[in-house]
Amino acid sequence: MTLSKKAEATRQHILDTGYQLVLHKGFAALGLQEILKSCNVPKGSFYHYFPSKEAFGCELLQQYVDGYGRKLEGLLAAEGNGYERLMRYWDAWIAAPHDAACGWAEECLVVKLAAEVADLSEDMRRVLDTGVQRLLARIAALIDAARADHSLPAGAPSQTLARVLYQMWLGAALLAKLSQDKTSLVQARETTVLLLTCEAAQATHARAAHTRAAQSPSPVPHP
């Protein structure tokens, strides 16, 4: 569909306004009339831009996952070793770089909509799932890069570790939303560090045990 610049601006205004409404109310509970009233757009005009509410939802989610990817790459562009860049991403969940009071977890549509759209719309589910799979691959690549520059030790397969970490952070974000407190996110960060570096800790303990054994006097044999 080819739109004039003015029409394209109106379409984007509907999407931007809809994102804020969906973030606070969810998708199913949000009526089309409320979207239109907030945008000051007549109902008939809505169907000029989107064939249905579901199509609007798919476009909203597609823009969200694409924008999230660009935001992530911008965050990772700053200097730092692999581990520092990876932790910069998780830290952003707690406090966004340019707004410490509001972390990325608070504006995450995966946290808000994953369970809802999985049952509501197959098309919306696919858009969100594709975005999540792309993000998991990017996190795994960050882990691999950190291991390659030796800022992280070798460990579990990066794809598996990326999924475990992301699952933990999603759960922490849900608890933070429920409790209106970021403690669960802070604890997720602490656990993330442990999971990323646990093999190094185990190796350190093993070396220490070996050193202690080597330094211990040999037992005196009984006659």
Protein backbone atom coordinates (compact mmCIF):
# COMPACT_ATOMS: atom_id res chain seq x y z
CA MET A 1 0.00 0.00 0.00
CA THR A 2 1.44 3.35 -1.11
CA LEU A 3 0.56 6.27 1.15
CA SER A 4 1.20 9.98 0.96
CA LYS A 5 3.64 11.47 3.48
CA LYS A 6 0.72 12.84 5.48
CA ALA A 7 -1.08 9.48 5.46
CA GLU A 8 2.11 7.66 6.40
CA ALA A 9 2.59 10.06 9.32
CA THR A 10 -0.99 9.37 10.47
CA ARG A 11 -0.43 5.62 10.20
CA GLN A 12 2.73 5.89 12.25
CA HIS A 13 0.93 8.05 14.81
CA ILE A 14 -1.66 5.28 15.23
CA LEU A 15 1.12 2.73 15.75
CA ASP A 16 3.05 4.90 18.22
CA THR A 17 -0.05 5.70 20.23
CA GLY A 18 -1.19 2.08 20.07
CA TYR A 19 2.16 0.91 21.42
CA GLN A 20 1.78 3.00 24.58
CA LEU A 21 -1.81 1.83 25.05
CA VAL A 22 -0.94 -1.84 24.49
CA LEU A 23 2.01 -1.54 26.87
CA HIS A 24 -0.33 -0.49 29.66
CA LYS A 25 -3.54 -2.39 28.85
CA GLY A 26 -2.54 -5.39 26.75
CA PHE A 27 -3.91 -6.10 23.28
CA ALA A 28 -7.18 -7.98 23.79
CA ALA A 29 -8.48 -5.54 26.41
CA LEU A 30 -7.72 -2.56 24.22
CA GLY A 31 -10.72 -1.57 22.14
CA LEU A 32 -10.37 -0.17 18.66
CA GLN A 33 -12.45 2.83 19.67
CA GLU A 34 -9.99 3.71 22.42
CA ILE A 35 -7.09 3.63 19.97
CA LEU A 36 -8.94 5.85 17.53
CA LYS A 37 -10.03 8.30 20.22
CA SER A 38 -6.48 8.62 21.52
CA CYS A 39 -5.21 9.20 17.98
CA ASN A 40 -8.12 11.45 17.02
CA VAL A 41 -8.68 9.32 13.93
CA PRO A 42 -12.18 8.42 12.60
CA LYS A 43 -13.06 4.74 12.67
CA GLY A 44 -13.52 4.54 8.93
CA SER A 45 -10.05 5.97 8.39
CA PHE A 46 -8.45 3.23 10.50
CA TYR A 47 -9.28 0.61 7.87
CA HIS A 48 -7.56 2.76 5.27
CA TYR A 49 -4.30 2.04 7.10
CA PHE A 50 -4.91 -1.46 8.51
CA PRO A 51 -7.26 -4.18 7.23
CA SER A 52 -8.05 -5.31 10.78
CA LYS A 53 -7.08 -4.89 14.43
CA GLU A 54 -4.98 -8.06 14.10
CA ALA A 55 -3.10 -6.58 11.13
CA PHE A 56 -2.50 -3.47 13.23
CA GLY A 57 -1.17 -5.72 16.02
CA CYS A 58 1.21 -7.52 13.65
CA GLU A 59 2.58 -4.25 12.32
CA LEU A 60 2.93 -2.85 15.83
CA LEU A 61 4.91 -5.93 16.95
CA GLN A 62 7.04 -5.91 13.79
CA GLN A 63 8.01 -2.32 14.36
CA TYR A 64 8.71 -3.10 18.00
CA VAL A 65 11.08 -6.02 17.32
CA ASP A 66 12.84 -4.13 14.51
CA GLY A 67 13.25 -1.08 16.73
CA TYR A 68 14.47 -3.24 19.60
CA GLY A 69 17.17 -4.69 17.36
CA ARG A 70 18.35 -1.23 16.31
CA LYS A 71 18.32 -0.05 19.92
CA LEU A 72 20.37 -3.07 20.97
CA GLU A 73 22.98 -2.53 18.25
CA GLY A 74 23.26 1.12 19.27
CA LEU A 75 23.84 0.04 22.86
CA LEU A 76 26.52 -2.45 21.82
CA ALA A 77 28.32 -0.02 19.56
CA ALA A 78 30.18 1.59 22.47
CA GLU A 79 33.67 0.32 23.22
CA GLY A 80 34.28 -2.58 25.57
CA ASN A 81 35.25 -6.22 25.60
CA GLY A 82 32.73 -8.96 24.94
CA TYR A 83 31.74 -9.40 28.57
CA GLU A 84 31.28 -5.65 29.11
CA ARG A 85 29.10 -5.35 26.01
CA LEU A 86 26.96 -8.32 27.03
CA MET A 87 26.46 -6.98 30.57
CA ARG A 88 25.62 -3.56 29.16
CA TYR A 89 22.57 -5.19 27.57
CA TRP A 90 21.37 -6.82 30.80
CA ASP A 91 22.03 -3.61 32.75
CA ALA A 92 19.73 -1.79 30.33
CA TRP A 93 16.86 -4.01 31.52
CA ILE A 94 17.28 -2.42 34.95
CA ALA A 95 18.18 1.13 33.97
CA ALA A 96 18.13 2.42 30.40
CA PRO A 97 21.33 4.29 29.43
CA HIS A 98 19.54 7.60 28.99
CA ASP A 99 16.83 7.10 31.62
CA ALA A 100 17.98 5.29 34.75
CA ALA A 101 14.48 5.46 36.22
CA CYS A 102 13.01 3.33 33.43
CA GLY A 103 14.67 0.13 32.29
CA TRP A 104 13.97 -1.80 29.11
CA ALA A 105 12.09 -4.44 31.10
CA GLU A 106 9.33 -1.91 31.79
CA GLU A 107 8.71 -1.34 28.08
CA CYS A 108 9.08 -4.93 26.90
CA LEU A 109 6.17 -6.19 24.81
CA VAL A 110 7.42 -9.78 25.15
CA VAL A 111 6.85 -9.47 28.90
CA LYS A 112 3.48 -7.83 28.31
CA LEU A 113 2.07 -9.86 25.43
CA ALA A 114 3.81 -13.24 25.01
CA ALA A 115 1.20 -15.35 26.77
CA GLU A 116 -1.69 -13.29 25.40
CA VAL A 117 -0.82 -13.29 21.69
CA ALA A 118 0.19 -16.97 21.75
CA ASP A 119 -3.48 -17.79 22.27
CA LEU A 120 -4.97 -14.81 20.47
CA SER A 121 -3.32 -14.62 17.05
CA GLU A 122 -1.03 -17.01 15.20
CA ASP A 123 0.28 -14.21 13.00
CA MET A 124 1.11 -12.00 15.98
CA ARG A 125 2.69 -14.96 17.78
CA ARG A 126 4.97 -15.61 14.81
CA VAL A 127 6.11 -11.99 14.62
CA LEU A 128 6.97 -11.92 18.32
CA ASP A 129 8.60 -15.36 18.30
CA THR A 130 10.74 -14.51 15.27
CA GLY A 131 11.93 -11.40 17.07
CA VAL A 132 12.77 -13.38 20.20
CA GLN A 133 14.68 -16.02 18.21
CA ARG A 134 16.67 -13.28 16.52
CA LEU A 135 17.47 -11.75 19.90
CA LEU A 136 18.56 -15.12 21.33
CA ALA A 137 20.93 -15.58 18.41
CA ARG A 138 22.39 -12.12 19.06
CA ILE A 139 22.90 -12.87 22.76
CA ALA A 140 24.59 -16.16 21.86
CA ALA A 141 26.88 -14.29 19.45
CA LEU A 142 27.81 -11.88 22.24
CA ILE A 143 28.70 -14.81 24.51
CA ASP A 144 30.83 -16.32 21.74
CA ALA A 145 32.57 -12.97 21.18
CA ALA A 146 33.29 -12.64 24.90
CA ARG A 147 34.78 -16.12 24.98
CA ALA A 148 36.84 -15.38 21.88
CA ASP A 149 38.43 -12.30 23.47
CA HIS A 150 38.87 -14.21 26.77
CA SER A 151 36.71 -11.83 28.80
CA LEU A 152 34.56 -14.91 29.53
CA PRO A 153 35.65 -18.51 30.03
CA ALA A 154 34.45 -21.45 27.99
CA GLY A 155 31.26 -22.99 29.27
CA ALA A 156 27.86 -24.28 28.26
CA PRO A 157 26.86 -23.95 24.58
CA SER A 158 26.21 -20.28 23.91
CA GLN A 159 22.76 -20.91 22.39
CA THR A 160 21.64 -22.84 25.48
CA LEU A 161 23.08 -20.27 27.86
CA ALA A 162 21.48 -17.39 25.94
CA ARG A 163 18.05 -19.03 26.23
CA VAL A 164 18.47 -19.76 29.95
CA LEU A 165 19.53 -16.18 30.66
CA TYR A 166 16.71 -14.67 28.63
CA GLN A 167 14.13 -16.93 30.30
CA MET A 168 15.43 -15.86 33.71
CA TRP A 169 15.27 -12.17 32.84
CA LEU A 170 11.72 -12.49 31.48
CA GLY A 171 10.63 -14.08 34.76
CA ALA A 172 12.45 -11.40 36.75
CA ALA A 173 10.75 -8.70 34.69
CA LEU A 174 7.33 -10.20 35.41
CA LEU A 175 8.05 -10.29 39.15
CA ALA A 176 9.35 -6.73 39.04
CA LYS A 177 6.14 -5.61 37.35
CA LEU A 178 4.04 -7.47 39.91
CA SER A 179 5.91 -6.17 42.95
CA GLN A 180 6.71 -2.72 41.52
CA ASP A 181 10.25 -3.33 42.71
CA LYS A 182 13.47 -4.03 40.79
CA THR A 183 14.95 -6.48 43.31
CA SER A 184 14.23 -9.47 41.07
CA LEU A 185 16.08 -7.79 38.19
CA VAL A 186 19.08 -7.03 40.38
CA GLN A 187 19.11 -10.67 41.50
CA ALA A 188 18.87 -11.78 37.86
CA ARG A 189 21.97 -9.73 37.13
CA GLU A 190 23.87 -11.38 40.00
CA THR A 191 22.85 -14.82 38.77
CA THR A 192 23.79 -13.90 35.20
CA VAL A 193 27.34 -13.13 36.30
CA LEU A 194 27.52 -16.46 38.13
CA LEU A 195 26.22 -18.41 35.13
CA LEU A 196 28.58 -16.68 32.73
CA THR A 197 31.66 -17.15 34.91
CA CYS A 198 30.87 -20.36 36.81
CA GLU A 199 33.36 -22.50 34.89
CA ALA A 200 36.13 -20.06 35.77
CA ALA A 201 35.15 -20.29 39.44
CA GLN A 202 35.13 -24.08 39.28
CA ALA A 203 38.56 -24.09 37.65
CA THR A 204 39.88 -21.75 40.34
CA HIS A 205 38.57 -24.03 43.10
CA ALA A 206 40.06 -27.08 41.36
CA ARG A 207 43.47 -25.42 41.05
CA ALA A 208 43.34 -24.34 44.70
CA ALA A 209 42.46 -27.89 45.80
CA HIS A 210 45.26 -29.30 43.68
CA THR A 211 47.73 -26.81 45.18
CA ARG A 212 46.64 -27.65 48.72
CA ALA A 213 47.02 -31.36 48.02
CA ALA A 214 50.49 -30.84 46.56
CA GLN A 215 51.60 -28.78 49.56
CA SER A 216 50.26 -31.21 52.16
CA PRO A 217 52.89 -33.49 53.70
CA SER A 218 52.70 -37.08 52.56
CA PRO A 219 51.31 -39.43 55.16
CA VAL A 220 53.96 -41.38 57.05
CA PRO A 221 53.55 -45.07 56.30
CA HIS A 222 52.99 -47.36 59.26
CA PRO A 223 55.61 -50.00 59.84
